[in-house]
Amino acid sequence: MGNIEEKEKDNQNLLSYQKDNNQVLFRFFGIEMTAPKGLKYPRIVYVSFIVVNFFLLLVLRKLIIN
């Protein structure tokens, strides 16, 4: 019974998803950027993550310099 619960727990893991070509966002020099199967609009999520982090970096840099 413990093995069944562990398998179900592994299936619910964020990075545990079936290999699906639709989930690969891009490939660059053999490195794949992938997204979990259930994530809606993965490109928008990743791009917004990068933009927000870049904005925070600029704000913190400005605060540290002043």
Protein backbone atom coordinates (compact mmCIF):
# COMPACT_ATOMS: atom_id res chain seq x y z
CA MET A 1 0.00 0.00 0.00
CA GLY A 2 2.88 2.38 0.72
CA ASN A 3 4.16 2.02 -2.83
CA ILE A 4 0.81 3.09 -4.31
CA GLU A 5 0.75 6.22 -2.16
CA GLU A 6 4.33 7.06 -3.11
CA LYS A 7 3.52 6.67 -6.83
CA GLU A 8 0.49 8.93 -6.49
CA LYS A 9 2.61 11.49 -4.65
CA ASP A 10 5.22 11.35 -7.45
CA ASN A 11 2.48 11.85 -10.06
CA GLN A 12 1.39 15.05 -8.30
CA ASN A 13 4.93 16.44 -8.26
CA LEU A 14 5.27 19.66 -10.27
CA LEU A 15 8.15 18.40 -12.40
CA SER A 16 6.73 14.90 -12.89
CA TYR A 17 4.82 14.96 -16.16
CA GLN A 18 4.61 12.86 -19.25
CA LYS A 19 6.99 13.74 -22.08
CA ASP A 20 4.93 15.69 -24.58
CA ASN A 21 6.29 17.73 -27.51
CA ASN A 22 3.72 20.44 -26.85
CA GLN A 23 5.32 21.11 -23.47
CA VAL A 24 8.74 22.04 -24.87
CA LEU A 25 8.87 25.82 -25.11
CA PHE A 26 12.18 26.00 -26.96
CA ARG A 27 15.48 24.22 -27.49
CA PHE A 28 18.78 26.10 -27.45
CA PHE A 29 22.12 24.27 -27.87
CA GLY A 30 20.54 21.05 -26.65
CA ILE A 31 18.93 22.65 -23.58
CA GLU A 32 15.15 22.36 -23.46
CA MET A 33 12.90 24.79 -21.64
CA THR A 34 9.85 22.75 -20.66
CA ALA A 35 6.62 23.41 -18.81
CA PRO A 36 4.34 21.14 -16.80
CA LYS A 37 1.44 19.71 -18.80
CA GLY A 38 -1.28 21.45 -16.76
CA LEU A 39 0.26 24.94 -17.01
CA LYS A 40 -1.92 27.24 -19.09
CA TYR A 41 -0.04 29.71 -21.33
CA PRO A 42 3.46 28.65 -20.26
CA ARG A 43 5.27 31.17 -22.45
CA ILE A 44 3.41 34.08 -20.87
CA VAL A 45 4.19 32.75 -17.39
CA TYR A 46 7.91 32.39 -18.10
CA VAL A 47 8.22 35.73 -19.91
CA SER A 48 6.38 37.56 -17.11
CA PHE A 49 8.67 35.88 -14.57
CA ILE A 50 11.72 37.19 -16.43
CA VAL A 51 10.26 40.70 -16.82
CA VAL A 52 9.27 40.98 -13.16
CA ASN A 53 12.68 39.77 -11.99
CA PHE A 54 14.45 42.20 -14.31
CA PHE A 55 12.29 45.05 -12.98
CA LEU A 56 13.08 44.07 -9.38
CA LEU A 57 16.78 43.94 -10.23
CA LEU A 58 16.67 47.47 -11.62
CA VAL A 59 14.74 48.80 -8.62
CA LEU A 60 17.10 47.19 -6.12
CA ARG A 61 20.13 48.40 -8.06
CA LYS A 62 18.76 51.95 -8.02
CA LEU A 63 18.10 51.76 -4.27
CA ILE A 64 21.58 50.44 -3.53
CA ILE A 65 23.34 53.06 -5.66
CA ASN A 66 21.45 55.97 -4.05
